Amino acid sequence: MDGSKRQTIRSIRKNPIKESETLYIWWKQRSPEREKLGEASCTKVSDILIIRDEMVNVSEQIIINNKDNLDNFAIADGFSNWQKLVEFFESTHGLPFTGVLIEWDSIKTPF
């Protein structure tokens, strides 16, 4: 909610999000407590693969398999560490997980 999160990992969609597209940023989107935080412009979309001990940015051919870098990546996505991210994706989607990393610029608040 403080605007520090500027990325999200999502499953591959039938109609993929594209760079420069407007993103609508929500907190707890699928709950009664949901709150629209604002809008942002998509700056980058990358195909990714999450495996238990590494994250592969397929689009950029980058493999992240260092614990500190994995933890930093997970924190940037809103998790406390890589282990929590892996537990979430394993229980929700199964591993290995193939999806997209969506990044955006600063959020413009709706007010």
N, C-alpha and C. Protein backbone atom coordinates (compact mmCIF):
# COMPACT_ATOMS: atom_id res chain seq x y z
N MET A 1 0.82 -1.20 0.00
CA MET A 1 0.00 0.00 0.00
C MET A 1 0.86 1.27 0.00
N ASP A 2 2.15 1.13 0.35
CA ASP A 2 3.02 2.31 0.38
C ASP A 2 3.64 2.62 -0.99
N GLY A 3 3.28 1.82 -2.02
CA GLY A 3 3.77 2.08 -3.37
C GLY A 3 5.11 1.43 -3.69
N SER A 4 5.68 0.70 -2.73
CA SER A 4 6.99 0.10 -2.96
C SER A 4 6.92 -1.15 -3.85
N LYS A 5 5.78 -1.80 -3.90
CA LYS A 5 5.62 -2.97 -4.77
C LYS A 5 5.32 -2.49 -6.18
N ARG A 6 6.17 -2.89 -7.12
CA ARG A 6 5.99 -2.47 -8.51
C ARG A 6 6.07 -3.65 -9.47
N GLN A 7 5.68 -4.81 -8.98
CA GLN A 7 5.67 -5.99 -9.83
C GLN A 7 4.68 -6.99 -9.27
N THR A 8 4.25 -7.90 -10.14
CA THR A 8 3.42 -9.01 -9.72
C THR A 8 3.66 -10.18 -10.67
N ILE A 9 3.44 -11.36 -10.17
CA ILE A 9 3.59 -12.58 -10.97
C ILE A 9 2.19 -13.12 -11.21
N ARG A 10 1.90 -13.43 -12.46
CA ARG A 10 0.58 -13.92 -12.82
C ARG A 10 0.69 -15.10 -13.78
N SER A 11 -0.37 -15.89 -13.81
CA SER A 11 -0.47 -16.96 -14.80
C SER A 11 -0.60 -16.33 -16.18
N ILE A 12 -0.30 -17.11 -17.19
CA ILE A 12 -0.43 -16.65 -18.57
C ILE A 12 -1.92 -16.50 -18.89
N ARG A 13 -2.26 -15.34 -19.47
CA ARG A 13 -3.66 -15.03 -19.77
C ARG A 13 -3.96 -15.25 -21.25
N LYS A 14 -5.25 -15.45 -21.52
CA LYS A 14 -5.70 -15.57 -22.90
C LYS A 14 -5.43 -14.27 -23.65
N ASN A 15 -5.67 -13.13 -23.01
CA ASN A 15 -5.39 -11.80 -23.57
C ASN A 15 -4.27 -11.19 -22.73
N PRO A 16 -3.03 -11.38 -23.12
CA PRO A 16 -1.90 -10.94 -22.29
C PRO A 16 -1.85 -9.43 -22.09
N ILE A 17 -1.34 -9.03 -20.94
CA ILE A 17 -1.09 -7.62 -20.66
C ILE A 17 0.11 -7.20 -21.49
N LYS A 18 0.06 -5.98 -21.99
CA LYS A 18 1.13 -5.46 -22.85
C LYS A 18 1.76 -4.23 -22.21
N GLU A 19 3.01 -3.98 -22.58
CA GLU A 19 3.69 -2.77 -22.11
C GLU A 19 2.89 -1.54 -22.51
N SER A 20 2.87 -0.54 -21.65
CA SER A 20 2.17 0.74 -21.76
C SER A 20 0.67 0.64 -21.48
N GLU A 21 0.17 -0.57 -21.25
CA GLU A 21 -1.24 -0.75 -20.90
C GLU A 21 -1.48 -0.22 -19.49
N THR A 22 -2.68 0.31 -19.24
CA THR A 22 -3.03 0.78 -17.91
C THR A 22 -3.36 -0.42 -17.02
N LEU A 23 -2.74 -0.45 -15.85
CA LEU A 23 -3.00 -1.49 -14.85
C LEU A 23 -3.80 -0.88 -13.71
N TYR A 24 -4.75 -1.61 -13.20
CA TYR A 24 -5.55 -1.17 -12.06
C TYR A 24 -5.05 -1.93 -10.85
N ILE A 25 -4.49 -1.22 -9.90
CA ILE A 25 -3.82 -1.83 -8.75
C ILE A 25 -4.78 -1.89 -7.57
N TRP A 26 -5.00 -3.10 -7.08
CA TRP A 26 -5.92 -3.34 -5.97
C TRP A 26 -5.19 -3.98 -4.80
N TRP A 27 -5.73 -3.78 -3.62
CA TRP A 27 -5.30 -4.48 -2.40
C TRP A 27 -6.43 -5.43 -2.06
N LYS A 28 -6.11 -6.71 -1.88
CA LYS A 28 -7.09 -7.76 -1.56
C LYS A 28 -8.26 -7.72 -2.54
N GLN A 29 -7.95 -7.76 -3.80
CA GLN A 29 -8.95 -7.57 -4.87
C GLN A 29 -10.16 -8.50 -4.77
N ARG A 30 -9.95 -9.72 -4.40
CA ARG A 30 -11.05 -10.69 -4.40
C ARG A 30 -11.63 -10.92 -3.00
N SER A 31 -11.65 -9.89 -2.19
CA SER A 31 -12.22 -10.02 -0.86
C SER A 31 -13.13 -8.81 -0.58
N PRO A 32 -13.99 -8.91 0.41
CA PRO A 32 -14.86 -7.79 0.74
C PRO A 32 -14.08 -6.55 1.23
N GLU A 33 -12.84 -6.78 1.66
CA GLU A 33 -12.00 -5.67 2.15
C GLU A 33 -11.25 -4.96 1.04
N ARG A 34 -11.51 -5.33 -0.22
CA ARG A 34 -10.74 -4.79 -1.35
C ARG A 34 -10.73 -3.27 -1.36
N GLU A 35 -9.62 -2.77 -1.89
CA GLU A 35 -9.45 -1.33 -1.99
C GLU A 35 -8.63 -1.02 -3.23
N LYS A 36 -9.13 -0.13 -4.07
CA LYS A 36 -8.37 0.27 -5.25
C LYS A 36 -7.29 1.24 -4.81
N LEU A 37 -6.05 0.88 -5.10
CA LEU A 37 -4.92 1.72 -4.71
C LEU A 37 -4.62 2.77 -5.77
N GLY A 38 -4.97 2.47 -7.02
CA GLY A 38 -4.71 3.43 -8.08
C GLY A 38 -4.47 2.75 -9.40
N GLU A 39 -3.86 3.50 -10.31
CA GLU A 39 -3.56 3.00 -11.65
C GLU A 39 -2.09 3.25 -11.95
N ALA A 40 -1.55 2.42 -12.82
CA ALA A 40 -0.15 2.56 -13.22
C ALA A 40 -0.02 2.10 -14.66
N SER A 41 1.05 2.48 -15.27
CA SER A 41 1.34 2.06 -16.64
C SER A 41 2.30 0.87 -16.60
N CYS A 42 1.97 -0.16 -17.34
CA CYS A 42 2.83 -1.35 -17.42
C CYS A 42 4.12 -0.96 -18.14
N THR A 43 5.25 -1.23 -17.50
CA THR A 43 6.54 -0.90 -18.10
C THR A 43 7.25 -2.10 -18.71
N LYS A 44 6.86 -3.31 -18.26
CA LYS A 44 7.57 -4.49 -18.76
C LYS A 44 6.77 -5.75 -18.44
N VAL A 45 6.78 -6.68 -19.37
CA VAL A 45 6.18 -8.00 -19.16
C VAL A 45 7.22 -9.03 -19.59
N SER A 46 7.54 -9.95 -18.69
CA SER A 46 8.56 -10.97 -18.96
C SER A 46 7.99 -12.35 -18.66
N ASP A 47 8.28 -13.31 -19.53
CA ASP A 47 7.93 -14.70 -19.25
C ASP A 47 8.87 -15.22 -18.18
N ILE A 48 8.31 -15.91 -17.17
CA ILE A 48 9.17 -16.43 -16.10
C ILE A 48 8.82 -17.89 -15.79
N LEU A 49 9.76 -18.54 -15.14
CA LEU A 49 9.61 -19.91 -14.68
C LEU A 49 10.11 -19.96 -13.25
N ILE A 50 9.25 -20.42 -12.36
CA ILE A 50 9.64 -20.55 -10.94
C ILE A 50 9.81 -22.04 -10.63
N ILE A 51 11.01 -22.35 -10.16
CA ILE A 51 11.37 -23.69 -9.72
C ILE A 51 11.74 -23.54 -8.24
N ARG A 52 11.74 -24.60 -7.51
CA ARG A 52 11.98 -24.49 -6.06
C ARG A 52 13.20 -23.64 -5.70
N ASP A 53 14.33 -23.83 -6.37
CA ASP A 53 15.56 -23.13 -5.98
C ASP A 53 16.03 -22.10 -6.99
N GLU A 54 15.17 -21.72 -7.94
CA GLU A 54 15.57 -20.69 -8.88
C GLU A 54 14.37 -20.07 -9.59
N MET A 55 14.60 -18.87 -10.11
CA MET A 55 13.62 -18.19 -10.93
C MET A 55 14.30 -17.87 -12.24
N VAL A 56 13.67 -18.22 -13.35
CA VAL A 56 14.24 -17.98 -14.67
C VAL A 56 13.41 -16.91 -15.37
N ASN A 57 14.06 -15.82 -15.74
CA ASN A 57 13.42 -14.81 -16.58
C ASN A 57 13.67 -15.28 -18.01
N VAL A 58 12.69 -15.98 -18.54
CA VAL A 58 12.83 -16.60 -19.86
C VAL A 58 13.04 -15.53 -20.93
N SER A 59 12.30 -14.42 -20.83
CA SER A 59 12.39 -13.36 -21.83
C SER A 59 13.79 -12.78 -21.93
N GLU A 60 14.46 -12.65 -20.79
CA GLU A 60 15.79 -12.04 -20.76
C GLU A 60 16.90 -13.06 -20.60
N GLN A 61 16.54 -14.34 -20.53
CA GLN A 61 17.50 -15.43 -20.37
C GLN A 61 18.39 -15.22 -19.14
N ILE A 62 17.75 -14.87 -18.03
CA ILE A 62 18.46 -14.66 -16.76
C ILE A 62 17.99 -15.71 -15.77
N ILE A 63 18.94 -16.38 -15.14
CA ILE A 63 18.63 -17.36 -14.09
C ILE A 63 19.04 -16.76 -12.76
N ILE A 64 18.11 -16.70 -11.81
CA ILE A 64 18.43 -16.24 -10.46
C ILE A 64 18.39 -17.48 -9.57
N ASN A 65 19.54 -17.83 -9.00
CA ASN A 65 19.59 -19.00 -8.12
C ASN A 65 20.43 -18.75 -6.88
N ASN A 66 20.73 -17.51 -6.60
CA ASN A 66 21.44 -17.12 -5.38
C ASN A 66 20.40 -16.76 -4.32
N LYS A 67 20.55 -17.30 -3.10
CA LYS A 67 19.53 -17.11 -2.06
C LYS A 67 19.21 -15.64 -1.81
N ASP A 68 20.22 -14.80 -1.70
CA ASP A 68 19.96 -13.37 -1.44
C ASP A 68 19.18 -12.73 -2.58
N ASN A 69 19.56 -13.05 -3.81
CA ASN A 69 18.84 -12.49 -4.95
C ASN A 69 17.41 -13.01 -5.03
N LEU A 70 17.21 -14.30 -4.70
CA LEU A 70 15.86 -14.86 -4.69
C LEU A 70 15.03 -14.20 -3.60
N ASP A 71 15.61 -14.00 -2.42
CA ASP A 71 14.88 -13.32 -1.34
C ASP A 71 14.52 -11.89 -1.75
N ASN A 72 15.44 -11.18 -2.37
CA ASN A 72 15.16 -9.81 -2.82
C ASN A 72 14.04 -9.78 -3.85
N PHE A 73 14.05 -10.73 -4.77
CA PHE A 73 12.99 -10.83 -5.76
C PHE A 73 11.65 -11.07 -5.08
N ALA A 74 11.62 -12.00 -4.14
CA ALA A 74 10.37 -12.33 -3.42
C ALA A 74 9.86 -11.12 -2.63
N ILE A 75 10.75 -10.40 -1.98
CA ILE A 75 10.37 -9.21 -1.21
C ILE A 75 9.78 -8.15 -2.14
N ALA A 76 10.38 -7.98 -3.31
CA ALA A 76 9.86 -7.01 -4.28
C ALA A 76 8.46 -7.38 -4.73
N ASP A 77 8.12 -8.66 -4.63
CA ASP A 77 6.79 -9.11 -5.02
C ASP A 77 5.82 -9.17 -3.84
N GLY A 78 6.26 -8.78 -2.66
CA GLY A 78 5.36 -8.72 -1.51
C GLY A 78 5.44 -9.88 -0.54
N PHE A 79 6.38 -10.80 -0.75
CA PHE A 79 6.56 -11.92 0.16
C PHE A 79 7.70 -11.60 1.13
N SER A 80 7.74 -12.29 2.27
CA SER A 80 8.80 -12.02 3.24
C SER A 80 10.14 -12.62 2.82
N ASN A 81 10.10 -13.70 2.00
CA ASN A 81 11.33 -14.31 1.51
C ASN A 81 10.99 -15.29 0.38
N TRP A 82 12.01 -15.86 -0.25
CA TRP A 82 11.82 -16.77 -1.37
C TRP A 82 11.02 -18.01 -0.97
N GLN A 83 11.31 -18.54 0.22
CA GLN A 83 10.61 -19.75 0.68
C GLN A 83 9.11 -19.52 0.73
N LYS A 84 8.66 -18.37 1.21
CA LYS A 84 7.23 -18.05 1.27
C LYS A 84 6.63 -17.94 -0.13
N LEU A 85 7.37 -17.35 -1.06
CA LEU A 85 6.90 -17.24 -2.44
C LEU A 85 6.74 -18.64 -3.03
N VAL A 86 7.74 -19.49 -2.85
CA VAL A 86 7.70 -20.85 -3.39
C VAL A 86 6.53 -21.63 -2.77
N GLU A 87 6.34 -21.51 -1.47
CA GLU A 87 5.22 -22.21 -0.80
C GLU A 87 3.88 -21.76 -1.40
N PHE A 88 3.73 -20.45 -1.63
CA PHE A 88 2.49 -19.94 -2.20
C PHE A 88 2.26 -20.51 -3.61
N PHE A 89 3.26 -20.41 -4.47
CA PHE A 89 3.08 -20.88 -5.84
C PHE A 89 2.93 -22.39 -5.92
N GLU A 90 3.63 -23.11 -5.06
CA GLU A 90 3.50 -24.57 -5.06
C GLU A 90 2.09 -24.98 -4.64
N SER A 91 1.54 -24.35 -3.60
CA SER A 91 0.21 -24.73 -3.13
C SER A 91 -0.90 -24.20 -4.02
N THR A 92 -0.69 -23.07 -4.67
CA THR A 92 -1.72 -22.45 -5.50
C THR A 92 -1.70 -22.94 -6.94
N HIS A 93 -0.51 -23.07 -7.52
CA HIS A 93 -0.39 -23.39 -8.93
C HIS A 93 0.39 -24.68 -9.22
N GLY A 94 1.20 -25.11 -8.27
CA GLY A 94 2.10 -26.23 -8.50
C GLY A 94 3.41 -25.75 -9.10
N LEU A 95 4.46 -26.54 -8.89
CA LEU A 95 5.78 -26.22 -9.43
C LEU A 95 6.18 -27.28 -10.43
N PRO A 96 6.91 -26.94 -11.44
CA PRO A 96 7.37 -25.59 -11.78
C PRO A 96 6.18 -24.73 -12.24
N PHE A 97 6.27 -23.43 -11.99
CA PHE A 97 5.23 -22.48 -12.38
C PHE A 97 5.73 -21.66 -13.56
N THR A 98 4.95 -21.63 -14.63
CA THR A 98 5.25 -20.81 -15.78
C THR A 98 4.23 -19.69 -15.83
N GLY A 99 4.72 -18.45 -15.90
CA GLY A 99 3.82 -17.32 -15.92
C GLY A 99 4.50 -16.08 -16.46
N VAL A 100 4.00 -14.93 -16.04
CA VAL A 100 4.59 -13.66 -16.45
C VAL A 100 4.87 -12.78 -15.24
N LEU A 101 5.94 -12.02 -15.36
CA LEU A 101 6.29 -11.01 -14.38
C LEU A 101 5.85 -9.69 -15.00
N ILE A 102 4.94 -8.99 -14.32
CA ILE A 102 4.41 -7.72 -14.80
C ILE A 102 4.97 -6.62 -13.92
N GLU A 103 5.59 -5.61 -14.55
CA GLU A 103 6.18 -4.51 -13.79
C GLU A 103 5.50 -3.20 -14.20
N TRP A 104 5.46 -2.24 -13.28
CA TRP A 104 4.80 -0.97 -13.56
C TRP A 104 5.56 0.20 -12.94
N ASP A 105 5.18 1.41 -13.39
CA ASP A 105 5.78 2.62 -12.85
C ASP A 105 5.04 3.00 -11.56
N SER A 106 5.21 4.20 -11.09
CA SER A 106 4.57 4.61 -9.85
C SER A 106 3.05 4.65 -10.01
N ILE A 107 2.36 4.39 -8.91
CA ILE A 107 0.91 4.35 -8.93
C ILE A 107 0.34 5.75 -8.81
N LYS A 108 -0.63 6.02 -9.66
CA LYS A 108 -1.37 7.27 -9.56
C LYS A 108 -2.63 6.97 -8.76
N THR A 109 -2.80 7.64 -7.64
CA THR A 109 -3.94 7.34 -6.77
C THR A 109 -5.24 7.84 -7.38
N PRO A 110 -6.34 7.17 -7.05
CA PRO A 110 -7.63 7.52 -7.66
C PRO A 110 -8.27 8.78 -7.08
N PHE A 111 -7.68 9.38 -6.11
CA PHE A 111 -8.31 10.52 -5.45
C PHE A 111 -8.05 11.81 -6.19
